[in-house]
Amino acid sequence: MSEPIVRVETRSPLSGSDGRQISARRYGTAELTQRESDLQAAIRSVLGAMSQAVRNAPATGLTVGELEVGFNVAFAPEDGVYLCSSPAEATFEVKLSLKLADTPQGADPGGAAGG
């Protein structure tokens, strides 16, 4: 028996050029295995932005122990994905959590030099 094929819906993002909220969209499908790299790239991009935001947080004596972000992803007809503003537009909802490693004793949790 062969493996079932998982398909995802593809949608053309709204162009917004005509100013209307309701407009025609193109819908199609693609095999998930063919679009896996697009989904992984979107997750890596958001994860990188989350990590950078934590690294660039101001040193206030407080540290971020855990950070969670959720976003909606839809597949574009050709290549790539786009982040959607609402779950109604999305084909996937993704939630990422970062839990920071414990700070070693004696290290400055805020990243600033002590004095």
C-alpha atoms as a PDB file:
ATOM      1  CA  MET A   1       0.000   0.000   0.000  1.00  0.00           C
ATOM      2  CA  SER A   2       1.420   3.389  -0.954  1.00  0.00           C
ATOM      3  CA  GLU A   3       1.835   6.329   1.407  1.00  0.00           C
ATOM      4  CA  PRO A   4      -1.076   8.791   1.337  1.00  0.00           C
ATOM      5  CA  ILE A   5      -0.300  12.093  -0.370  1.00  0.00           C
ATOM      6  CA  VAL A   6      -0.870  15.142   1.796  1.00  0.00           C
ATOM      7  CA  ARG A   7      -1.843  18.222  -0.190  1.00  0.00           C
ATOM      8  CA  VAL A   8      -1.921  21.837   0.934  1.00  0.00           C
ATOM      9  CA  GLU A   9      -4.006  24.655  -0.431  1.00  0.00           C
ATOM     10  CA  THR A  10      -2.217  27.438  -2.249  1.00  0.00           C
ATOM     11  CA  ARG A  11      -3.591  30.969  -2.391  1.00  0.00           C
ATOM     12  CA  SER A  12      -2.574  34.099  -4.184  1.00  0.00           C
ATOM     13  CA  PRO A  13      -2.051  36.884  -1.639  1.00  0.00           C
ATOM     14  CA  LEU A  14      -4.416  39.830  -1.923  1.00  0.00           C
ATOM     15  CA  SER A  15      -2.774  42.503  -4.004  1.00  0.00           C
ATOM     16  CA  GLY A  16      -4.670  45.343  -2.325  1.00  0.00           C
ATOM     17  CA  SER A  17      -4.120  47.510  -5.392  1.00  0.00           C
ATOM     18  CA  ASP A  18      -7.825  48.034  -6.041  1.00  0.00           C
ATOM     19  CA  GLY A  19      -8.651  48.934  -2.423  1.00  0.00           C
ATOM     20  CA  ARG A  20     -11.395  46.336  -2.074  1.00  0.00           C
ATOM     21  CA  GLN A  21     -11.442  43.929   0.842  1.00  0.00           C
ATOM     22  CA  ILE A  22     -13.261  41.278  -1.150  1.00  0.00           C
ATOM     23  CA  SER A  23     -11.721  40.291  -4.455  1.00  0.00           C
ATOM     24  CA  ALA A  24     -11.125  37.201  -6.565  1.00  0.00           C
ATOM     25  CA  ARG A  25      -8.357  34.887  -5.454  1.00  0.00           C
ATOM     26  CA  ARG A  26      -6.665  32.001  -7.158  1.00  0.00           C
ATOM     27  CA  TYR A  27      -6.750  28.737  -5.250  1.00  0.00           C
ATOM     28  CA  GLY A  28      -4.833  25.590  -6.044  1.00  0.00           C
ATOM     29  CA  THR A  29      -3.129  22.697  -4.299  1.00  0.00           C
ATOM     30  CA  ALA A  30       0.371  21.281  -4.012  1.00  0.00           C
ATOM     31  CA  GLU A  31       1.897  18.269  -2.326  1.00  0.00           C
ATOM     32  CA  LEU A  32       3.176  19.098   1.146  1.00  0.00           C
ATOM     33  CA  THR A  33       6.438  17.266   0.450  1.00  0.00           C
ATOM     34  CA  GLN A  34       7.069  19.686  -2.430  1.00  0.00           C
ATOM     35  CA  ARG A  35       6.414  22.730  -0.218  1.00  0.00           C
ATOM     36  CA  GLU A  36       8.080  21.569   3.014  1.00  0.00           C
ATOM     37  CA  SER A  37      11.168  23.710   2.458  1.00  0.00           C
ATOM     38  CA  ASP A  38       8.988  26.842   2.089  1.00  0.00           C
ATOM     39  CA  LEU A  39       7.265  26.138   5.409  1.00  0.00           C
ATOM     40  CA  GLN A  40      10.588  25.401   7.121  1.00  0.00           C
ATOM     41  CA  ALA A  41      12.093  28.628   5.751  1.00  0.00           C
ATOM     42  CA  ALA A  42       9.185  30.664   7.152  1.00  0.00           C
ATOM     43  CA  ILE A  43       9.565  29.055  10.584  1.00  0.00           C
ATOM     44  CA  ARG A  44      13.352  29.622  10.581  1.00  0.00           C
ATOM     45  CA  SER A  45      12.852  33.264   9.600  1.00  0.00           C
ATOM     46  CA  VAL A  46      10.366  33.933  12.420  1.00  0.00           C
ATOM     47  CA  LEU A  47      12.535  32.014  14.903  1.00  0.00           C
ATOM     48  CA  GLY A  48      15.539  34.140  13.879  1.00  0.00           C
ATOM     49  CA  ALA A  49      13.555  37.338  14.417  1.00  0.00           C
ATOM     50  CA  MET A  50      12.422  36.118  17.852  1.00  0.00           C
ATOM     51  CA  SER A  51      15.985  35.225  18.856  1.00  0.00           C
ATOM     52  CA  GLN A  52      17.311  38.587  17.667  1.00  0.00           C
ATOM     53  CA  ALA A  53      14.630  40.455  19.622  1.00  0.00           C
ATOM     54  CA  VAL A  54      15.581  38.606  22.818  1.00  0.00           C
ATOM     55  CA  ARG A  55      19.306  39.239  22.246  1.00  0.00           C
ATOM     56  CA  ASN A  56      18.653  42.957  21.662  1.00  0.00           C
ATOM     57  CA  ALA A  57      16.391  43.404  24.693  1.00  0.00           C
ATOM     58  CA  PRO A  58      17.551  46.268  26.903  1.00  0.00           C
ATOM     59  CA  ALA A  59      19.459  45.315  30.042  1.00  0.00           C
ATOM     60  CA  THR A  60      16.954  46.087  32.787  1.00  0.00           C
ATOM     61  CA  GLY A  61      17.809  43.387  35.304  1.00  0.00           C
ATOM     62  CA  LEU A  62      14.933  41.303  33.969  1.00  0.00           C
ATOM     63  CA  THR A  63      15.443  38.465  31.542  1.00  0.00           C
ATOM     64  CA  VAL A  64      13.119  36.691  29.168  1.00  0.00           C
ATOM     65  CA  GLY A  65      12.710  33.121  30.398  1.00  0.00           C
ATOM     66  CA  GLU A  66      10.279  31.964  27.764  1.00  0.00           C
ATOM     67  CA  LEU A  67       8.836  33.539  24.643  1.00  0.00           C
ATOM     68  CA  GLU A  68       5.975  32.281  22.474  1.00  0.00           C
ATOM     69  CA  VAL A  69       4.800  33.597  19.143  1.00  0.00           C
ATOM     70  CA  GLY A  70       2.005  32.387  16.908  1.00  0.00           C
ATOM     71  CA  PHE A  71       1.493  33.177  13.251  1.00  0.00           C
ATOM     72  CA  ASN A  72      -0.565  31.977  10.325  1.00  0.00           C
ATOM     73  CA  VAL A  73       1.006  30.729   7.125  1.00  0.00           C
ATOM     74  CA  ALA A  74      -0.477  30.330   3.647  1.00  0.00           C
ATOM     75  CA  PHE A  75       1.297  28.890   0.633  1.00  0.00           C
ATOM     76  CA  ALA A  76       1.738  31.037  -2.467  1.00  0.00           C
ATOM     77  CA  PRO A  77       0.916  29.290  -5.767  1.00  0.00           C
ATOM     78  CA  GLU A  78       4.507  29.045  -7.035  1.00  0.00           C
ATOM     79  CA  ASP A  79       7.182  29.218  -4.327  1.00  0.00           C
ATOM     80  CA  GLY A  80       7.264  30.615  -0.846  1.00  0.00           C
ATOM     81  CA  VAL A  81       4.756  31.285   1.861  1.00  0.00           C
ATOM     82  CA  TYR A  82       3.288  34.402   3.339  1.00  0.00           C
ATOM     83  CA  LEU A  83       2.217  35.255   6.864  1.00  0.00           C
ATOM     84  CA  CYS A  84      -1.512  35.912   7.200  1.00  0.00           C
ATOM     85  CA  SER A  85      -3.266  38.326   9.484  1.00  0.00           C
ATOM     86  CA  SER A  86      -6.036  35.919  10.466  1.00  0.00           C
ATOM     87  CA  PRO A  87      -6.506  32.167  10.825  1.00  0.00           C
ATOM     88  CA  ALA A  88      -9.329  32.313   8.269  1.00  0.00           C
ATOM     89  CA  GLU A  89      -6.728  33.099   5.583  1.00  0.00           C
ATOM     90  CA  ALA A  90      -4.169  30.521   6.700  1.00  0.00           C
ATOM     91  CA  THR A  91      -3.540  26.969   5.709  1.00  0.00           C
ATOM     92  CA  PHE A  92      -1.334  26.413   8.795  1.00  0.00           C
ATOM     93  CA  GLU A  93      -1.186  27.962  12.240  1.00  0.00           C
ATOM     94  CA  VAL A  94       2.317  27.829  13.682  1.00  0.00           C
ATOM     95  CA  LYS A  95       3.296  28.414  17.303  1.00  0.00           C
ATOM     96  CA  LEU A  96       6.944  28.702  18.279  1.00  0.00           C
ATOM     97  CA  SER A  97       8.274  28.767  21.815  1.00  0.00           C
ATOM     98  CA  LEU A  98      11.745  29.701  22.944  1.00  0.00           C
ATOM     99  CA  LYS A  99      12.846  28.697  26.388  1.00  0.00           C
ATOM    100  CA  LEU A 100      16.177  30.228  27.225  1.00  0.00           C
ATOM    101  CA  ALA A 101      18.879  28.143  28.818  1.00  0.00           C
ATOM    102  CA  ASP A 102      19.525  28.815  32.487  1.00  0.00           C
ATOM    103  CA  THR A 103      22.111  31.530  33.056  1.00  0.00           C
ATOM    104  CA  PRO A 104      25.284  30.068  34.604  1.00  0.00           C
ATOM    105  CA  GLN A 105      26.013  31.247  38.137  1.00  0.00           C
ATOM    106  CA  GLY A 106      28.082  34.408  38.184  1.00  0.00           C
ATOM    107  CA  ALA A 107      27.041  35.433  34.664  1.00  0.00           C
ATOM    108  CA  ASP A 108      25.241  38.702  34.110  1.00  0.00           C
ATOM    109  CA  PRO A 109      21.685  37.804  32.963  1.00  0.00           C
ATOM    110  CA  GLY A 110      21.162  41.251  31.422  1.00  0.00           C
ATOM    111  CA  GLY A 111      24.277  41.032  29.287  1.00  0.00           C
ATOM    112  CA  ALA A 112      25.726  44.267  30.696  1.00  0.00           C
ATOM    113  CA  ALA A 113      29.092  44.450  32.378  1.00  0.00           C
ATOM    114  CA  GLY A 114      28.781  44.608  36.137  1.00  0.00           C
ATOM    115  CA  GLY A 115      30.615  47.059  38.277  1.00  0.00           C
END
